[in-house]
């Protein structure tokens, strides 16, 4: 038996973009055109303000702009968590979550660490304020699901010279490898500053429309794997019970199996 992703997909692809600057508007359009899904990490305290690049998206547009994607935390003011006291860190993360949930009307359970700085204390505080996962900036060039979602290392930055090569390697993942995951991250302002919007369009076009890929947000991936890890197996390993609220998919030989919420199935 091997695990599969939602709907029996063998591969998963997710994106993560930070800061919520106005260039997200164009990036969202590209993702929608090619059927990609992404998580956008926002600094709620900066929404609607200006900077030398042009500024940040406004509070009023958040709900519609990111519809179909996921909104997650990046800290109210994009503070370096390594410089904050524990009470300051708590406010930086919890206030961001509170503001973003009010703006989106949805639950916010994700984070990316500002400047890529994190610590064990930051992970503890994130967990205490109800955050389930957080992305680092430590590129792995690999396709493994994280063992610690609060220290989630991505595959690569979109500007990595090996982006397309990694994409092909991901598609060629051997069938014996369970749950290959490609995670690409960055900032939308980088495309504008480097005048290379064609880079992300080329990659999305290359990865689009593939029946074997589950296109998902960071949160969807985290929730699925967490539910998968809650499965309860019989002592002989021939029966499994799913106590979660979502279906978990598996493959035995050539047969694809769906274990529905509250259901027990036999192999």
C-alpha atoms as a PDB file:
ATOM      1  CA  UNK A   1       0.000   0.000   0.000  1.00  0.00           C
ATOM      2  CA  UNK A   2       1.166   3.500  -0.861  1.00  0.00           C
ATOM      3  CA  UNK A   3      -0.381   6.850  -0.016  1.00  0.00           C
ATOM      4  CA  UNK A   4      -1.744   9.134  -2.722  1.00  0.00           C
ATOM      5  CA  UNK A   5      -2.865  12.740  -2.670  1.00  0.00           C
ATOM      6  CA  UNK A   6      -6.454  13.982  -2.874  1.00  0.00           C
ATOM      7  CA  UNK A   7      -8.564  12.391  -5.626  1.00  0.00           C
ATOM      8  CA  UNK A   8      -5.870   9.754  -6.117  1.00  0.00           C
ATOM      9  CA  UNK A   9      -3.250  12.138  -7.527  1.00  0.00           C
ATOM     10  CA  UNK A  10       0.371  10.970  -7.319  1.00  0.00           C
ATOM     11  CA  UNK A  11       2.099  14.394  -7.253  1.00  0.00           C
ATOM     12  CA  UNK A  12       1.393  17.740  -5.549  1.00  0.00           C
ATOM     13  CA  UNK A  13       2.446  21.255  -6.555  1.00  0.00           C
ATOM     14  CA  UNK A  14       2.085  24.340  -4.369  1.00  0.00           C
ATOM     15  CA  UNK A  15       3.285  27.958  -4.450  1.00  0.00           C
ATOM     16  CA  UNK A  16       3.942  30.514  -1.721  1.00  0.00           C
ATOM     17  CA  UNK A  17       4.281  34.297  -2.186  1.00  0.00           C
ATOM     18  CA  UNK A  18       5.097  36.857   0.477  1.00  0.00           C
ATOM     19  CA  UNK A  19       4.302  40.472   1.420  1.00  0.00           C
ATOM     20  CA  UNK A  20       1.078  41.174  -0.509  1.00  0.00           C
ATOM     21  CA  UNK A  21       2.436  43.879  -2.772  1.00  0.00           C
ATOM     22  CA  UNK A  22       0.431  45.170  -5.740  1.00  0.00           C
ATOM     23  CA  UNK A  23       2.189  42.813  -8.152  1.00  0.00           C
ATOM     24  CA  UNK A  24       0.199  39.961  -6.622  1.00  0.00           C
ATOM     25  CA  UNK A  25      -2.654  41.141  -8.837  1.00  0.00           C
ATOM     26  CA  UNK A  26      -0.840  40.090 -11.996  1.00  0.00           C
ATOM     27  CA  UNK A  27       0.513  36.908 -10.422  1.00  0.00           C
ATOM     28  CA  UNK A  28      -2.968  35.794  -9.369  1.00  0.00           C
ATOM     29  CA  UNK A  29      -4.146  36.226 -12.973  1.00  0.00           C
ATOM     30  CA  UNK A  30      -1.311  34.018 -14.219  1.00  0.00           C
ATOM     31  CA  UNK A  31      -2.068  31.335 -11.659  1.00  0.00           C
ATOM     32  CA  UNK A  32      -5.752  31.374 -12.591  1.00  0.00           C
ATOM     33  CA  UNK A  33      -4.976  31.158 -16.304  1.00  0.00           C
ATOM     34  CA  UNK A  34      -2.940  27.999 -15.817  1.00  0.00           C
ATOM     35  CA  UNK A  35      -4.927  26.394 -13.003  1.00  0.00           C
ATOM     36  CA  UNK A  36      -2.326  26.807 -10.267  1.00  0.00           C
ATOM     37  CA  UNK A  37      -3.110  27.319  -6.582  1.00  0.00           C
ATOM     38  CA  UNK A  38      -1.014  29.324  -4.150  1.00  0.00           C
ATOM     39  CA  UNK A  39      -0.768  30.688  -0.642  1.00  0.00           C
ATOM     40  CA  UNK A  40      -0.225  34.432  -0.217  1.00  0.00           C
ATOM     41  CA  UNK A  41       1.409  35.504   3.038  1.00  0.00           C
ATOM     42  CA  UNK A  42       0.369  39.044   3.974  1.00  0.00           C
ATOM     43  CA  UNK A  43       1.498  41.714   6.428  1.00  0.00           C
ATOM     44  CA  UNK A  44      -1.876  43.055   7.577  1.00  0.00           C
ATOM     45  CA  UNK A  45      -0.335  46.221   9.026  1.00  0.00           C
ATOM     46  CA  UNK A  46       1.010  47.256   5.628  1.00  0.00           C
ATOM     47  CA  UNK A  47      -2.104  46.699   3.521  1.00  0.00           C
ATOM     48  CA  UNK A  48      -3.052  49.760   1.498  1.00  0.00           C
ATOM     49  CA  UNK A  49       0.204  51.585   2.222  1.00  0.00           C
ATOM     50  CA  UNK A  50       2.818  52.718  -0.295  1.00  0.00           C
ATOM     51  CA  UNK A  51       6.484  51.920  -0.655  1.00  0.00           C
ATOM     52  CA  UNK A  52       9.242  52.530  -3.175  1.00  0.00           C
ATOM     53  CA  UNK A  53       7.989  49.644  -5.324  1.00  0.00           C
ATOM     54  CA  UNK A  54       4.439  50.962  -5.560  1.00  0.00           C
ATOM     55  CA  UNK A  55       2.759  49.673  -2.438  1.00  0.00           C
ATOM     56  CA  UNK A  56       0.611  46.910  -1.026  1.00  0.00           C
ATOM     57  CA  UNK A  57      -2.788  45.548  -1.987  1.00  0.00           C
ATOM     58  CA  UNK A  58      -5.693  47.141  -0.161  1.00  0.00           C
ATOM     59  CA  UNK A  59      -7.779  45.650   2.605  1.00  0.00           C
ATOM     60  CA  UNK A  60     -10.967  45.957   0.521  1.00  0.00           C
ATOM     61  CA  UNK A  61      -9.678  43.789  -2.322  1.00  0.00           C
ATOM     62  CA  UNK A  62      -8.239  40.909  -0.282  1.00  0.00           C
ATOM     63  CA  UNK A  63     -11.304  38.667  -0.319  1.00  0.00           C
ATOM     64  CA  UNK A  64     -11.917  38.833  -4.074  1.00  0.00           C
ATOM     65  CA  UNK A  65      -8.293  39.071  -5.216  1.00  0.00           C
ATOM     66  CA  UNK A  66      -7.202  35.879  -3.504  1.00  0.00           C
ATOM     67  CA  UNK A  67     -10.429  33.931  -3.996  1.00  0.00           C
ATOM     68  CA  UNK A  68      -9.616  30.297  -4.748  1.00  0.00           C
ATOM     69  CA  UNK A  69      -6.187  30.656  -3.178  1.00  0.00           C
ATOM     70  CA  UNK A  70      -5.145  30.868   0.469  1.00  0.00           C
ATOM     71  CA  UNK A  71      -4.311  33.904   2.601  1.00  0.00           C
ATOM     72  CA  UNK A  72      -1.842  33.318   5.420  1.00  0.00           C
ATOM     73  CA  UNK A  73       0.254  35.307   7.904  1.00  0.00           C
ATOM     74  CA  UNK A  74       3.619  36.975   7.424  1.00  0.00           C
ATOM     75  CA  UNK A  75       3.568  39.092  10.581  1.00  0.00           C
ATOM     76  CA  UNK A  76       1.660  42.349  11.107  1.00  0.00           C
ATOM     77  CA  UNK A  77       4.648  44.559  10.313  1.00  0.00           C
ATOM     78  CA  UNK A  78       7.120  42.071   8.792  1.00  0.00           C
ATOM     79  CA  UNK A  79       9.256  42.118  11.929  1.00  0.00           C
ATOM     80  CA  UNK A  80      12.353  39.954  12.322  1.00  0.00           C
ATOM     81  CA  UNK A  81      11.177  37.391  14.888  1.00  0.00           C
ATOM     82  CA  UNK A  82      14.730  36.952  16.160  1.00  0.00           C
ATOM     83  CA  UNK A  83      14.681  40.508  17.509  1.00  0.00           C
ATOM     84  CA  UNK A  84      11.335  40.331  19.297  1.00  0.00           C
ATOM     85  CA  UNK A  85      10.509  39.525  22.889  1.00  0.00           C
ATOM     86  CA  UNK A  86       8.054  36.667  23.338  1.00  0.00           C
ATOM     87  CA  UNK A  87       5.099  39.046  24.011  1.00  0.00           C
ATOM     88  CA  UNK A  88       6.036  41.092  20.915  1.00  0.00           C
ATOM     89  CA  UNK A  89       6.288  37.942  18.824  1.00  0.00           C
ATOM     90  CA  UNK A  90       2.906  36.784  20.054  1.00  0.00           C
ATOM     91  CA  UNK A  91       1.312  40.088  19.042  1.00  0.00           C
ATOM     92  CA  UNK A  92       3.114  40.086  15.656  1.00  0.00           C
ATOM     93  CA  UNK A  93       1.625  36.718  14.763  1.00  0.00           C
ATOM     94  CA  UNK A  94      -1.736  36.646  16.546  1.00  0.00           C
ATOM     95  CA  UNK A  95      -2.755  40.168  15.505  1.00  0.00           C
ATOM     96  CA  UNK A  96      -1.901  39.313  11.906  1.00  0.00           C
ATOM     97  CA  UNK A  97      -4.068  36.209  12.080  1.00  0.00           C
ATOM     98  CA  UNK A  98      -6.952  38.125  13.652  1.00  0.00           C
ATOM     99  CA  UNK A  99      -6.843  40.859  10.996  1.00  0.00           C
ATOM    100  CA  UNK A 100      -6.579  38.476   8.049  1.00  0.00           C
ATOM    101  CA  UNK A 101      -9.429  36.288   9.272  1.00  0.00           C
ATOM    102  CA  UNK A 102     -11.624  39.375   9.571  1.00  0.00           C
ATOM    103  CA  UNK A 103     -10.722  40.468   6.031  1.00  0.00           C
ATOM    104  CA  UNK A 104     -11.172  37.077   4.387  1.00  0.00           C
ATOM    105  CA  UNK A 105     -13.967  35.590   6.467  1.00  0.00           C
ATOM    106  CA  UNK A 106     -11.934  32.389   6.498  1.00  0.00           C
ATOM    107  CA  UNK A 107      -9.747  30.539   8.963  1.00  0.00           C
ATOM    108  CA  UNK A 108      -6.063  31.480   8.740  1.00  0.00           C
ATOM    109  CA  UNK A 109      -3.675  28.754   9.852  1.00  0.00           C
ATOM    110  CA  UNK A 110      -0.481  29.417   7.900  1.00  0.00           C
ATOM    111  CA  UNK A 111       2.650  31.539   8.202  1.00  0.00           C
ATOM    112  CA  UNK A 112       5.911  32.289   6.456  1.00  0.00           C
ATOM    113  CA  UNK A 113       8.727  33.653   8.582  1.00  0.00           C
ATOM    114  CA  UNK A 114       9.659  37.245   7.707  1.00  0.00           C
ATOM    115  CA  UNK A 115      13.206  37.374   6.301  1.00  0.00           C
ATOM    116  CA  UNK A 116      13.288  33.599   6.652  1.00  0.00           C
ATOM    117  CA  UNK A 117      14.327  33.993  10.308  1.00  0.00           C
ATOM    118  CA  UNK A 118      12.891  31.491  12.762  1.00  0.00           C
ATOM    119  CA  UNK A 119      13.685  29.693  16.005  1.00  0.00           C
ATOM    120  CA  UNK A 120      12.266  27.046  18.283  1.00  0.00           C
ATOM    121  CA  UNK A 121      10.585  29.827  20.267  1.00  0.00           C
ATOM    122  CA  UNK A 122       8.981  31.218  17.103  1.00  0.00           C
ATOM    123  CA  UNK A 123       7.616  27.762  16.310  1.00  0.00           C
ATOM    124  CA  UNK A 124       6.220  27.437  19.834  1.00  0.00           C
ATOM    125  CA  UNK A 125       4.504  30.842  19.656  1.00  0.00           C
ATOM    126  CA  UNK A 126       3.112  30.092  16.192  1.00  0.00           C
ATOM    127  CA  UNK A 127       1.627  26.864  17.522  1.00  0.00           C
ATOM    128  CA  UNK A 128       0.193  28.666  20.554  1.00  0.00           C
ATOM    129  CA  UNK A 129      -1.695  31.188  18.393  1.00  0.00           C
ATOM    130  CA  UNK A 130      -3.239  28.428  16.284  1.00  0.00           C
ATOM    131  CA  UNK A 131      -0.906  28.341  13.287  1.00  0.00           C
ATOM    132  CA  UNK A 132      -0.366  24.898  11.784  1.00  0.00           C
ATOM    133  CA  UNK A 133       2.541  25.480   9.421  1.00  0.00           C
ATOM    134  CA  UNK A 134       5.215  27.979   8.463  1.00  0.00           C
ATOM    135  CA  UNK A 135       7.543  28.202   5.496  1.00  0.00           C
ATOM    136  CA  UNK A 136      11.256  28.893   5.723  1.00  0.00           C
ATOM    137  CA  UNK A 137      13.551  30.107   2.924  1.00  0.00           C
ATOM    138  CA  UNK A 138      15.790  27.015   3.074  1.00  0.00           C
ATOM    139  CA  UNK A 139      15.624  25.572  -0.437  1.00  0.00           C
ATOM    140  CA  UNK A 140      16.042  21.805  -0.546  1.00  0.00           C
ATOM    141  CA  UNK A 141      15.881  21.021  -4.296  1.00  0.00           C
ATOM    142  CA  UNK A 142      13.963  17.941  -3.185  1.00  0.00           C
ATOM    143  CA  UNK A 143      10.349  16.791  -3.217  1.00  0.00           C
ATOM    144  CA  UNK A 144       9.628  15.497   0.270  1.00  0.00           C
ATOM    145  CA  UNK A 145       6.694  16.322   2.526  1.00  0.00           C
ATOM    146  CA  UNK A 146       8.039  18.079   5.666  1.00  0.00           C
ATOM    147  CA  UNK A 147       8.442  16.154   8.897  1.00  0.00           C
ATOM    148  CA  UNK A 148       7.819  19.407  10.815  1.00  0.00           C
ATOM    149  CA  UNK A 149       5.231  21.689   9.194  1.00  0.00           C
ATOM    150  CA  UNK A 150       6.343  24.643  11.360  1.00  0.00           C
ATOM    151  CA  UNK A 151       9.749  24.352   9.730  1.00  0.00           C
ATOM    152  CA  UNK A 152       8.606  23.760   6.160  1.00  0.00           C
ATOM    153  CA  UNK A 153      11.531  23.978   3.756  1.00  0.00           C
ATOM    154  CA  UNK A 154      10.482  24.660   0.138  1.00  0.00           C
ATOM    155  CA  UNK A 155      11.871  23.028  -2.986  1.00  0.00           C
ATOM    156  CA  UNK A 156      13.159  26.233  -4.553  1.00  0.00           C
ATOM    157  CA  UNK A 157      12.723  29.942  -5.168  1.00  0.00           C
ATOM    158  CA  UNK A 158      11.162  30.790  -8.534  1.00  0.00           C
ATOM    159  CA  UNK A 159      14.416  32.510  -9.539  1.00  0.00           C
ATOM    160  CA  UNK A 160      16.462  29.367  -9.076  1.00  0.00           C
ATOM    161  CA  UNK A 161      18.438  28.651 -12.287  1.00  0.00           C
ATOM    162  CA  UNK A 162      17.347  25.016 -11.906  1.00  0.00           C
ATOM    163  CA  UNK A 163      13.606  25.781 -11.753  1.00  0.00           C
ATOM    164  CA  UNK A 164      12.652  24.131 -15.044  1.00  0.00           C
ATOM    165  CA  UNK A 165      15.078  21.273 -14.500  1.00  0.00           C
ATOM    166  CA  UNK A 166      13.598  20.658 -11.074  1.00  0.00           C
ATOM    167  CA  UNK A 167      10.114  20.779 -12.578  1.00  0.00           C
ATOM    168  CA  UNK A 168      11.004  18.022 -15.020  1.00  0.00           C
ATOM    169  CA  UNK A 169      12.700  15.995 -12.291  1.00  0.00           C
ATOM    170  CA  UNK A 170       9.543  16.344 -10.199  1.00  0.00           C
ATOM    171  CA  UNK A 171       7.375  15.055 -13.049  1.00  0.00           C
ATOM    172  CA  UNK A 172       9.779  12.145 -13.494  1.00  0.00           C
ATOM    173  CA  UNK A 173       9.594  11.123  -9.820  1.00  0.00           C
ATOM    174  CA  UNK A 174       9.771   7.320  -9.666  1.00  0.00           C
ATOM    175  CA  UNK A 175       6.520   5.545  -8.930  1.00  0.00           C
ATOM    176  CA  UNK A 176       7.921   3.964  -5.753  1.00  0.00           C
ATOM    177  CA  UNK A 177       8.397   7.393  -4.145  1.00  0.00           C
ATOM    178  CA  UNK A 178       5.377   8.310  -2.028  1.00  0.00           C
ATOM    179  CA  UNK A 179       3.814  11.770  -2.164  1.00  0.00           C
ATOM    180  CA  UNK A 180       6.335  13.803  -4.193  1.00  0.00           C
ATOM    181  CA  UNK A 181       5.786  17.511  -3.483  1.00  0.00           C
ATOM    182  CA  UNK A 182       7.177  20.513  -5.362  1.00  0.00           C
ATOM    183  CA  UNK A 183       7.022  23.794  -3.440  1.00  0.00           C
ATOM    184  CA  UNK A 184       7.981  27.052  -5.185  1.00  0.00           C
ATOM    185  CA  UNK A 185       8.158  30.384  -3.333  1.00  0.00           C
ATOM    186  CA  UNK A 186       9.072  34.022  -3.904  1.00  0.00           C
ATOM    187  CA  UNK A 187       7.790  37.603  -4.027  1.00  0.00           C
ATOM    188  CA  UNK A 188       5.674  38.928  -6.897  1.00  0.00           C
ATOM    189  CA  UNK A 189       7.601  42.235  -6.940  1.00  0.00           C
ATOM    190  CA  UNK A 190      10.680  40.292  -8.056  1.00  0.00           C
ATOM    191  CA  UNK A 191       9.080  39.589 -11.427  1.00  0.00           C
ATOM    192  CA  UNK A 192       8.435  43.274 -11.980  1.00  0.00           C
ATOM    193  CA  UNK A 193      11.836  44.404 -10.737  1.00  0.00           C
ATOM    194  CA  UNK A 194      13.690  41.805 -12.805  1.00  0.00           C
ATOM    195  CA  UNK A 195      11.348  42.179 -15.794  1.00  0.00           C
ATOM    196  CA  UNK A 196      10.935  38.435 -16.021  1.00  0.00           C
ATOM    197  CA  UNK A 197       7.229  37.737 -15.708  1.00  0.00           C
ATOM    198  CA  UNK A 198       7.756  35.262 -18.537  1.00  0.00           C
ATOM    199  CA  UNK A 199       9.645  33.053 -16.084  1.00  0.00           C
ATOM    200  CA  UNK A 200       6.616  32.188 -13.975  1.00  0.00           C
ATOM    201  CA  UNK A 201       4.348  32.016 -17.018  1.00  0.00           C
ATOM    202  CA  UNK A 202       6.673  29.506 -18.670  1.00  0.00           C
ATOM    203  CA  UNK A 203       6.822  27.360 -15.552  1.00  0.00           C
ATOM    204  CA  UNK A 204       3.058  27.431 -14.976  1.00  0.00           C
ATOM    205  CA  UNK A 205       2.375  26.584 -18.607  1.00  0.00           C
ATOM    206  CA  UNK A 206       4.821  23.667 -18.390  1.00  0.00           C
ATOM    207  CA  UNK A 207       3.193  22.301 -15.222  1.00  0.00           C
ATOM    208  CA  UNK A 208      -0.457  22.949 -16.115  1.00  0.00           C
ATOM    209  CA  UNK A 209      -3.135  20.486 -17.106  1.00  0.00           C
ATOM    210  CA  UNK A 210      -1.428  17.367 -15.793  1.00  0.00           C
ATOM    211  CA  UNK A 211      -3.829  14.722 -14.529  1.00  0.00           C
ATOM    212  CA  UNK A 212      -1.310  13.300 -12.058  1.00  0.00           C
ATOM    213  CA  UNK A 213      -0.797  16.604 -10.183  1.00  0.00           C
ATOM    214  CA  UNK A 214      -2.834  17.895  -7.272  1.00  0.00           C
ATOM    215  CA  UNK A 215      -2.660  21.703  -7.498  1.00  0.00           C
ATOM    216  CA  UNK A 216      -3.104  22.827  -3.907  1.00  0.00           C
ATOM    217  CA  UNK A 217      -2.496  25.593  -1.400  1.00  0.00           C
ATOM    218  CA  UNK A 218      -0.006  25.200   1.439  1.00  0.00           C
ATOM    219  CA  UNK A 219      -2.879  24.795   3.881  1.00  0.00           C
ATOM    220  CA  UNK A 220      -4.616  22.121   1.825  1.00  0.00           C
ATOM    221  CA  UNK A 221      -1.390  20.131   1.662  1.00  0.00           C
ATOM    222  CA  UNK A 222      -0.791  20.480   5.395  1.00  0.00           C
ATOM    223  CA  UNK A 223      -4.356  19.473   6.281  1.00  0.00           C
ATOM    224  CA  UNK A 224      -4.274  16.446   3.992  1.00  0.00           C
ATOM    225  CA  UNK A 225      -0.982  15.075   5.305  1.00  0.00           C
ATOM    226  CA  UNK A 226      -2.047  15.729   8.896  1.00  0.00           C
ATOM    227  CA  UNK A 227      -5.273  13.805   8.315  1.00  0.00           C
ATOM    228  CA  UNK A 228      -3.316  11.020   6.644  1.00  0.00           C
ATOM    229  CA  UNK A 229      -1.055  10.736   9.687  1.00  0.00           C
ATOM    230  CA  UNK A 230      -4.115  10.279  11.908  1.00  0.00           C
ATOM    231  CA  UNK A 231      -5.199   7.071  10.159  1.00  0.00           C
ATOM    232  CA  UNK A 232      -5.595   4.121  12.506  1.00  0.00           C
ATOM    233  CA  UNK A 233      -4.406   0.710  11.305  1.00  0.00           C
ATOM    234  CA  UNK A 234      -5.238  -2.704  12.665  1.00  0.00           C
ATOM    235  CA  UNK A 235      -2.447  -4.740  14.247  1.00  0.00           C
ATOM    236  CA  UNK A 236      -2.024  -6.832  11.092  1.00  0.00           C
ATOM    237  CA  UNK A 237      -2.034  -3.738   8.865  1.00  0.00           C
ATOM    238  CA  UNK A 238      -4.901  -5.058   6.748  1.00  0.00           C
ATOM    239  CA  UNK A 239      -7.597  -2.660   7.915  1.00  0.00           C
ATOM    240  CA  UNK A 240      -7.569   1.125   8.294  1.00  0.00           C
ATOM    241  CA  UNK A 241      -9.963   3.592   9.923  1.00  0.00           C
ATOM    242  CA  UNK A 242     -10.131   7.279   8.967  1.00  0.00           C
ATOM    243  CA  UNK A 243     -11.149   9.460  11.967  1.00  0.00           C
ATOM    244  CA  UNK A 244     -10.676  12.734  10.058  1.00  0.00           C
ATOM    245  CA  UNK A 245     -13.180  14.885   8.161  1.00  0.00           C
ATOM    246  CA  UNK A 246     -11.669  14.329   4.705  1.00  0.00           C
ATOM    247  CA  UNK A 247     -11.058  11.381   2.409  1.00  0.00           C
ATOM    248  CA  UNK A 248      -7.587   9.861   2.280  1.00  0.00           C
ATOM    249  CA  UNK A 249      -6.442   8.093  -0.866  1.00  0.00           C
ATOM    250  CA  UNK A 250      -4.187   5.055  -1.208  1.00  0.00           C
ATOM    251  CA  UNK A 251      -3.049   2.603  -3.835  1.00  0.00           C
ATOM    252  CA  UNK A 252      -2.644  -1.143  -3.468  1.00  0.00           C
ATOM    253  CA  UNK A 253      -1.030  -2.725  -6.508  1.00  0.00           C
ATOM    254  CA  UNK A 254      -3.003  -1.105  -9.348  1.00  0.00           C
ATOM    255  CA  UNK A 255      -6.134  -0.415  -7.308  1.00  0.00           C
ATOM    256  CA  UNK A 256      -6.824   3.130  -6.027  1.00  0.00           C
ATOM    257  CA  UNK A 257      -8.695   3.216  -2.716  1.00  0.00           C
ATOM    258  CA  UNK A 258     -10.584   6.060  -1.044  1.00  0.00           C
ATOM    259  CA  UNK A 259     -10.982   5.920   2.711  1.00  0.00           C
ATOM    260  CA  UNK A 260     -13.831   8.290   3.456  1.00  0.00           C
ATOM    261  CA  UNK A 261     -14.342  10.237   6.698  1.00  0.00           C
ATOM    262  CA  UNK A 262     -15.374   7.911   9.513  1.00  0.00           C
ATOM    263  CA  UNK A 263     -14.945   4.857   7.282  1.00  0.00           C
ATOM    264  CA  UNK A 264     -12.897   1.710   7.758  1.00  0.00           C
ATOM    265  CA  UNK A 265     -11.645  -0.246   4.751  1.00  0.00           C
ATOM    266  CA  UNK A 266      -9.726  -3.509   4.327  1.00  0.00           C
ATOM    267  CA  UNK A 267      -6.794  -4.272   2.045  1.00  0.00           C
END
